[in-house]
C-alpha atoms as a PDB file:
ATOM      1  CA  UNK A   1      -6.083  -1.483  10.160  1.00  0.00           C
ATOM      2  CA  UNK A   2      -4.734  -0.756  14.120  1.00  0.00           C
ATOM      3  CA  UNK A   3      -2.070  -3.148  13.770  1.00  0.00           C
ATOM      4  CA  UNK A   4      -1.106  -1.504  10.524  1.00  0.00           C
ATOM      5  CA  UNK A   5      -0.974   1.841  11.857  1.00  0.00           C
ATOM      6  CA  UNK A   6       0.868   0.875  14.468  1.00  0.00           C
ATOM      7  CA  UNK A   7       3.784  -0.794  12.890  1.00  0.00           C
ATOM      8  CA  UNK A   8       4.053   2.238  10.800  1.00  0.00           C
ATOM      9  CA  UNK A   9       4.364   4.467  13.893  1.00  0.00           C
ATOM     10  CA  UNK A  10       7.266   1.886  15.132  1.00  0.00           C
ATOM     11  CA  UNK A  11       9.132   2.175  11.935  1.00  0.00           C
ATOM     12  CA  UNK A  12       9.169   5.833  12.226  1.00  0.00           C
ATOM     13  CA  UNK A  13      10.834   5.397  15.329  1.00  0.00           C
ATOM     14  CA  UNK A  14      13.270   3.505  14.864  1.00  0.00           C
ATOM     15  CA  UNK A  15      14.284   5.559  11.657  1.00  0.00           C
ATOM     16  CA  UNK A  16      13.887   8.651  13.671  1.00  0.00           C
ATOM     17  CA  UNK A  17      16.382   6.957  16.214  1.00  0.00           C
ATOM     18  CA  UNK A  18      19.074   5.888  13.446  1.00  0.00           C
ATOM     19  CA  UNK A  19      18.496   8.805  11.211  1.00  0.00           C
ATOM     20  CA  UNK A  20      22.235  10.458  12.197  1.00  0.00           C
ATOM     21  CA  UNK A  21      24.321   7.025  12.034  1.00  0.00           C
ATOM     22  CA  UNK A  22      22.114   6.118   8.606  1.00  0.00           C
ATOM     23  CA  UNK A  23      23.229   9.439   7.588  1.00  0.00           C
ATOM     24  CA  UNK A  24      26.938   8.830   7.928  1.00  0.00           C
ATOM     25  CA  UNK A  25      26.536   5.539   6.301  1.00  0.00           C
ATOM     26  CA  UNK A  26      25.384   6.826   3.490  1.00  0.00           C
ATOM     27  CA  UNK A  27      27.852   9.021   2.554  1.00  0.00           C
ATOM     28  CA  UNK A  28      30.303   6.196   2.597  1.00  0.00           C
ATOM     29  CA  UNK A  29      28.093   3.729   0.679  1.00  0.00           C
ATOM     30  CA  UNK A  30      27.690   6.531  -1.877  1.00  0.00           C
ATOM     31  CA  UNK A  31      30.962   7.433  -2.443  1.00  0.00           C
ATOM     32  CA  UNK A  32      31.688   3.723  -2.614  1.00  0.00           C
ATOM     33  CA  UNK A  33      29.063   3.273  -5.073  1.00  0.00           C
ATOM     34  CA  UNK A  34      29.962   6.010  -7.560  1.00  0.00           C
ATOM     35  CA  UNK A  35      26.904   7.729  -6.711  1.00  0.00           C
ATOM     36  CA  UNK A  36      24.442   5.996  -6.873  1.00  0.00           C
ATOM     37  CA  UNK A  37      21.156   6.418  -4.323  1.00  0.00           C
ATOM     38  CA  UNK A  38      21.038   2.459  -3.817  1.00  0.00           C
ATOM     39  CA  UNK A  39      23.398   0.396  -3.057  1.00  0.00           C
ATOM     40  CA  UNK A  40      24.170  -3.089  -0.823  1.00  0.00           C
ATOM     41  CA  UNK A  41      22.649  -2.658   2.697  1.00  0.00           C
ATOM     42  CA  UNK A  42      20.426  -0.211   2.331  1.00  0.00           C
ATOM     43  CA  UNK A  43      17.201  -0.156   3.409  1.00  0.00           C
ATOM     44  CA  UNK A  44      14.122   1.532   2.070  1.00  0.00           C
ATOM     45  CA  UNK A  45      10.523   2.248   3.390  1.00  0.00           C
ATOM     46  CA  UNK A  46       7.602   3.459   1.407  1.00  0.00           C
ATOM     47  CA  UNK A  47       4.539   4.473   2.681  1.00  0.00           C
ATOM     48  CA  UNK A  48       2.076   4.953  -0.592  1.00  0.00           C
ATOM     49  CA  UNK A  49      -1.390   5.911  -1.358  1.00  0.00           C
ATOM     50  CA  UNK A  50      -2.971   4.351  -4.302  1.00  0.00           C
ATOM     51  CA  UNK A  51      -5.029   7.073  -6.517  1.00  0.00           C
ATOM     52  CA  UNK A  52      -9.038   6.294  -5.650  1.00  0.00           C
ATOM     53  CA  UNK A  53     -12.143   8.403  -5.328  1.00  0.00           C
ATOM     54  CA  UNK A  54     -15.497   7.676  -3.909  1.00  0.00           C
ATOM     55  CA  UNK A  55     -18.218   7.558  -6.126  1.00  0.00           C
ATOM     56  CA  UNK A  56     -21.924   7.726  -5.193  1.00  0.00           C
ATOM     57  CA  UNK A  57     -24.604   7.208  -7.388  1.00  0.00           C
ATOM     58  CA  UNK A  58     -28.251   9.021  -6.903  1.00  0.00           C
ATOM     59  CA  UNK A  59     -31.565   8.739  -8.014  1.00  0.00           C
ATOM     60  CA  UNK A  60     -34.825   8.830  -7.107  1.00  0.00           C
ATOM     61  CA  UNK A  61     -36.901  11.199  -5.209  1.00  0.00           C
ATOM     62  CA  UNK A  62     -36.712   9.557  -1.957  1.00  0.00           C
ATOM     63  CA  UNK A  63     -33.365   7.450  -1.972  1.00  0.00           C
ATOM     64  CA  UNK A  64     -30.165   6.778  -3.107  1.00  0.00           C
ATOM     65  CA  UNK A  65     -27.394   3.890  -3.872  1.00  0.00           C
ATOM     66  CA  UNK A  66     -24.319   4.949  -2.256  1.00  0.00           C
ATOM     67  CA  UNK A  67     -21.040   3.391  -3.073  1.00  0.00           C
ATOM     68  CA  UNK A  68     -17.504   4.648  -0.786  1.00  0.00           C
ATOM     69  CA  UNK A  69     -14.096   3.331  -0.491  1.00  0.00           C
ATOM     70  CA  UNK A  70     -10.871   4.313   1.858  1.00  0.00           C
ATOM     71  CA  UNK A  71      -7.756   5.106   0.028  1.00  0.00           C
ATOM     72  CA  UNK A  72      -5.395   2.355  -0.263  1.00  0.00           C
ATOM     73  CA  UNK A  73      -2.744   2.018   1.608  1.00  0.00           C
ATOM     74  CA  UNK A  74       0.495   0.607   1.372  1.00  0.00           C
ATOM     75  CA  UNK A  75       3.756  -0.229   3.527  1.00  0.00           C
ATOM     76  CA  UNK A  76       6.697  -1.573   2.014  1.00  0.00           C
ATOM     77  CA  UNK A  77      10.604  -2.247   3.134  1.00  0.00           C
ATOM     78  CA  UNK A  78      13.412  -3.118   1.003  1.00  0.00           C
ATOM     79  CA  UNK A  79      16.795  -4.016   2.083  1.00  0.00           C
ATOM     80  CA  UNK A  80      19.969  -3.988  -0.329  1.00  0.00           C
ATOM     81  CA  UNK A  81      21.831  -7.326  -0.489  1.00  0.00           C
ATOM     82  CA  UNK A  82      25.890  -6.408  -0.095  1.00  0.00           C
ATOM     83  CA  UNK A  83      27.004  -7.903  -3.361  1.00  0.00           C
ATOM     84  CA  UNK A  84      25.846  -6.533  -6.397  1.00  0.00           C
ATOM     85  CA  UNK A  85      24.406  -8.938  -8.620  1.00  0.00           C
ATOM     86  CA  UNK A  86      25.212  -8.246 -12.168  1.00  0.00           C
ATOM     87  CA  UNK A  87      25.130  -4.479 -12.956  1.00  0.00           C
ATOM     88  CA  UNK A  88      22.872  -3.824 -10.612  1.00  0.00           C
ATOM     89  CA  UNK A  89      22.031  -4.497  -6.816  1.00  0.00           C
ATOM     90  CA  UNK A  90      19.277  -6.514  -5.375  1.00  0.00           C
ATOM     91  CA  UNK A  91      16.589  -5.846  -3.083  1.00  0.00           C
ATOM     92  CA  UNK A  92      14.598  -8.224  -0.822  1.00  0.00           C
ATOM     93  CA  UNK A  93      11.928  -7.395   1.802  1.00  0.00           C
ATOM     94  CA  UNK A  94       8.128  -7.326   2.089  1.00  0.00           C
ATOM     95  CA  UNK A  95       4.934  -5.177   1.259  1.00  0.00           C
ATOM     96  CA  UNK A  96       1.635  -4.846   2.868  1.00  0.00           C
ATOM     97  CA  UNK A  97      -1.422  -3.337   1.448  1.00  0.00           C
ATOM     98  CA  UNK A  98      -5.085  -2.738   2.696  1.00  0.00           C
ATOM     99  CA  UNK A  99      -8.672  -1.281   1.689  1.00  0.00           C
ATOM    100  CA  UNK A 100     -11.901  -1.195   2.231  1.00  0.00           C
ATOM    101  CA  UNK A 101     -15.644  -0.717   0.831  1.00  0.00           C
ATOM    102  CA  UNK A 102     -19.049   0.151   1.148  1.00  0.00           C
ATOM    103  CA  UNK A 103     -22.273  -0.178  -0.375  1.00  0.00           C
ATOM    104  CA  UNK A 104     -25.389   1.096   0.997  1.00  0.00           C
ATOM    105  CA  UNK A 105     -28.894   1.087  -0.263  1.00  0.00           C
ATOM    106  CA  UNK A 106     -31.620   3.400   1.779  1.00  0.00           C
ATOM    107  CA  UNK A 107     -34.391   3.554  -1.436  1.00  0.00           C
ATOM    108  CA  UNK A 108     -36.699   1.364   0.423  1.00  0.00           C
ATOM    109  CA  UNK A 109     -39.878   2.100   2.351  1.00  0.00           C
ATOM    110  CA  UNK A 110     -42.582   0.024   4.132  1.00  0.00           C
ATOM    111  CA  UNK A 111     -45.151   1.528   6.606  1.00  0.00           C
ATOM    112  CA  UNK A 112     -43.794   5.086   6.039  1.00  0.00           C
ATOM    113  CA  UNK A 113     -40.864   4.064   7.394  1.00  0.00           C
ATOM    114  CA  UNK A 114     -37.370   4.154   5.159  1.00  0.00           C
ATOM    115  CA  UNK A 115     -34.567   1.539   6.034  1.00  0.00           C
ATOM    116  CA  UNK A 116     -31.413   1.022   4.709  1.00  0.00           C
ATOM    117  CA  UNK A 117     -28.633  -1.807   4.268  1.00  0.00           C
ATOM    118  CA  UNK A 118     -25.391  -1.645   3.498  1.00  0.00           C
ATOM    119  CA  UNK A 119     -22.245  -4.119   1.997  1.00  0.00           C
ATOM    120  CA  UNK A 120     -19.057  -3.896   3.216  1.00  0.00           C
ATOM    121  CA  UNK A 121     -15.618  -5.544   1.738  1.00  0.00           C
ATOM    122  CA  UNK A 122     -12.045  -5.523   2.889  1.00  0.00           C
ATOM    123  CA  UNK A 123      -9.085  -6.169   0.927  1.00  0.00           C
ATOM    124  CA  UNK A 124      -5.583  -6.617   1.816  1.00  0.00           C
ATOM    125  CA  UNK A 125      -2.579  -8.359  -0.078  1.00  0.00           C
ATOM    126  CA  UNK A 126       0.631  -9.350   2.021  1.00  0.00           C
ATOM    127  CA  UNK A 127       3.821 -10.173   0.157  1.00  0.00           C
ATOM    128  CA  UNK A 128       7.347 -10.946  -0.020  1.00  0.00           C
ATOM    129  CA  UNK A 129       9.266  -8.051  -2.792  1.00  0.00           C
ATOM    130  CA  UNK A 130      12.351  -8.265  -4.944  1.00  0.00           C
ATOM    131  CA  UNK A 131      13.457  -5.882  -6.595  1.00  0.00           C
ATOM    132  CA  UNK A 132      16.246  -4.160  -8.859  1.00  0.00           C
ATOM    133  CA  UNK A 133      18.263  -1.364  -9.415  1.00  0.00           C
ATOM    134  CA  UNK A 134      19.645  -0.915 -12.386  1.00  0.00           C
ATOM    135  CA  UNK A 135      23.022   0.735 -11.820  1.00  0.00           C
ATOM    136  CA  UNK A 136      22.492   2.627 -15.214  1.00  0.00           C
ATOM    137  CA  UNK A 137      19.448   3.900 -14.265  1.00  0.00           C
ATOM    138  CA  UNK A 138      20.016   5.840 -11.325  1.00  0.00           C
ATOM    139  CA  UNK A 139      22.231   8.426  -9.769  1.00  0.00           C
ATOM    140  CA  UNK A 140      22.752  10.357  -6.389  1.00  0.00           C
ATOM    141  CA  UNK A 141      19.362  11.566  -6.219  1.00  0.00           C
ATOM    142  CA  UNK A 142      16.979   9.276  -8.712  1.00  0.00           C
ATOM    143  CA  UNK A 143      16.562   5.904  -9.955  1.00  0.00           C
ATOM    144  CA  UNK A 144      14.277   3.459 -12.081  1.00  0.00           C
ATOM    145  CA  UNK A 145      13.607   0.074 -10.632  1.00  0.00           C
ATOM    146  CA  UNK A 146      11.823  -3.629 -11.094  1.00  0.00           C
ATOM    147  CA  UNK A 147      10.633  -6.055  -9.354  1.00  0.00           C
ATOM    148  CA  UNK A 148       7.726  -8.981  -8.531  1.00  0.00           C
ATOM    149  CA  UNK A 149       5.869  -9.650  -5.421  1.00  0.00           C
ATOM    150  CA  UNK A 150       4.716 -12.485  -4.398  1.00  0.00           C
ATOM    151  CA  UNK A 151       1.577 -12.948  -1.588  1.00  0.00           C
ATOM    152  CA  UNK A 152      -1.387 -13.505  -0.489  1.00  0.00           C
ATOM    153  CA  UNK A 153      -4.700 -12.042  -1.160  1.00  0.00           C
ATOM    154  CA  UNK A 154      -7.276 -11.735   1.856  1.00  0.00           C
ATOM    155  CA  UNK A 155     -11.087 -10.702   0.865  1.00  0.00           C
ATOM    156  CA  UNK A 156     -13.674 -10.253   3.709  1.00  0.00           C
ATOM    157  CA  UNK A 157     -16.947  -9.593   2.910  1.00  0.00           C
ATOM    158  CA  UNK A 158     -20.050  -8.597   5.285  1.00  0.00           C
ATOM    159  CA  UNK A 159     -23.386  -7.604   5.498  1.00  0.00           C
ATOM    160  CA  UNK A 160     -24.021  -5.062   8.255  1.00  0.00           C
ATOM    161  CA  UNK A 161     -25.833  -6.530  11.433  1.00  0.00           C
ATOM    162  CA  UNK A 162     -26.679  -2.867  12.005  1.00  0.00           C
ATOM    163  CA  UNK A 163     -29.212  -2.535   8.881  1.00  0.00           C
ATOM    164  CA  UNK A 164     -33.277  -1.579   9.862  1.00  0.00           C
ATOM    165  CA  UNK A 165     -34.353  -3.200   7.168  1.00  0.00           C
ATOM    166  CA  UNK A 166     -37.123  -4.922   8.645  1.00  0.00           C
ATOM    167  CA  UNK A 167     -37.204  -7.945   6.925  1.00  0.00           C
ATOM    168  CA  UNK A 168     -33.419  -8.188   7.586  1.00  0.00           C
ATOM    169  CA  UNK A 169     -33.411  -7.936  10.968  1.00  0.00           C
ATOM    170  CA  UNK A 170     -31.029 -10.219  12.872  1.00  0.00           C
ATOM    171  CA  UNK A 171     -29.862 -11.428   9.931  1.00  0.00           C
ATOM    172  CA  UNK A 172     -25.453 -11.503   9.368  1.00  0.00           C
ATOM    173  CA  UNK A 173     -23.499 -13.017   6.452  1.00  0.00           C
ATOM    174  CA  UNK A 174     -19.646 -13.259   6.738  1.00  0.00           C
ATOM    175  CA  UNK A 175     -17.610 -14.369   3.992  1.00  0.00           C
ATOM    176  CA  UNK A 176     -14.006 -14.575   3.207  1.00  0.00           C
ATOM    177  CA  UNK A 177     -11.365 -15.642   1.273  1.00  0.00           C
ATOM    178  CA  UNK A 178      -7.996 -16.320   0.606  1.00  0.00           C
ATOM    179  CA  UNK A 179      -5.787 -16.637  -2.520  1.00  0.00           C
ATOM    180  CA  UNK A 180      -2.036 -16.505  -3.669  1.00  0.00           C
ATOM    181  CA  UNK A 181      -0.756 -13.773  -6.260  1.00  0.00           C
ATOM    182  CA  UNK A 182       2.127 -13.051  -8.325  1.00  0.00           C
ATOM    183  CA  UNK A 183       2.624  -9.616  -9.551  1.00  0.00           C
ATOM    184  CA  UNK A 184       5.041  -7.648 -11.426  1.00  0.00           C
ATOM    185  CA  UNK A 185       5.792  -3.905 -11.329  1.00  0.00           C
ATOM    186  CA  UNK A 186       7.962  -0.883 -12.069  1.00  0.00           C
ATOM    187  CA  UNK A 187       8.620   2.333  -9.896  1.00  0.00           C
ATOM    188  CA  UNK A 188      10.728   5.423  -9.562  1.00  0.00           C
ATOM    189  CA  UNK A 189      11.994   7.452  -6.525  1.00  0.00           C
ATOM    190  CA  UNK A 190      13.441  10.577  -6.265  1.00  0.00           C
ATOM    191  CA  UNK A 191      15.106  12.342  -2.627  1.00  0.00           C
ATOM    192  CA  UNK A 192      15.281  15.479  -1.589  1.00  0.00           C
ATOM    193  CA  UNK A 193      17.402  14.620   0.940  1.00  0.00           C
ATOM    194  CA  UNK A 194      19.491  11.900   1.417  1.00  0.00           C
ATOM    195  CA  UNK A 195      17.440   9.924   3.300  1.00  0.00           C
ATOM    196  CA  UNK A 196      13.598  11.371   2.578  1.00  0.00           C
ATOM    197  CA  UNK A 197      12.344  11.353  -0.991  1.00  0.00           C
ATOM    198  CA  UNK A 198       8.917  10.386  -3.195  1.00  0.00           C
ATOM    199  CA  UNK A 199       8.301   7.129  -4.880  1.00  0.00           C
ATOM    200  CA  UNK A 200       5.997   6.237  -7.994  1.00  0.00           C
ATOM    201  CA  UNK A 201       5.122   2.622  -8.951  1.00  0.00           C
ATOM    202  CA  UNK A 202       2.752   0.816 -11.893  1.00  0.00           C
ATOM    203  CA  UNK A 203       2.151  -2.452 -10.926  1.00  0.00           C
ATOM    204  CA  UNK A 204      -1.193  -4.280  -9.417  1.00  0.00           C
ATOM    205  CA  UNK A 205       0.055  -4.132  -5.400  1.00  0.00           C
ATOM    206  CA  UNK A 206      -3.135  -3.043  -3.644  1.00  0.00           C
ATOM    207  CA  UNK A 207      -3.957  -0.503  -6.375  1.00  0.00           C
ATOM    208  CA  UNK A 208      -2.394  -0.130 -10.313  1.00  0.00           C
ATOM    209  CA  UNK A 209      -1.278   2.923  -9.763  1.00  0.00           C
ATOM    210  CA  UNK A 210       0.710   4.257  -6.177  1.00  0.00           C
ATOM    211  CA  UNK A 211       2.499   6.966  -5.046  1.00  0.00           C
ATOM    212  CA  UNK A 212       4.314   8.653  -1.503  1.00  0.00           C
ATOM    213  CA  UNK A 213       6.663   9.140   0.455  1.00  0.00           C
ATOM    214  CA  UNK A 214      10.366   7.097   0.547  1.00  0.00           C
ATOM    215  CA  UNK A 215      12.716   6.426   3.527  1.00  0.00           C
ATOM    216  CA  UNK A 216      16.479   5.612   3.055  1.00  0.00           C
ATOM    217  CA  UNK A 217      18.948   4.471   6.254  1.00  0.00           C
END
């Protein structure tokens, strides 16, 4: 997670460093592409959040089950190939998504002491990404697009060794799995300025529905 945050900050610094030149380039590209908001040699970064909320289940006088999960975060990069392919442009790039979940049970008593234990899962998705931008579905401010991702899903499970359950003391379990994955998606972007906009995508990346900030340069 720390690596993801560091990578994001580096991208934002790079974006701000080149924003002045990017604005000039985008004006020229917009003029040459008939007012399209995505053209050859454009680059776009999507910083997204999936729509999840934490849920807590409680019952009984002295205890509860609690399930929580972090926001589903995603980062994708896309570069527009210089030459058109058919009636639109193709963008290629990469995608990374991350979320984590915790299940805690603390409805256990032994010798008048209350105990708990936790299970933790982390999910990540690493993929390459191809996007098609049809000219008829865009103007100088907004666009609709569709594409596919091909990558691997990594899942990690850990039984929390910090549990104070007297019967599970010093017990620890770790498991992980890696699976290939391919998925389809469709989305749209709307730009408030030449370089800053919002996006919304439907299709399973790290979630089924993702929205956030789009940065073009």
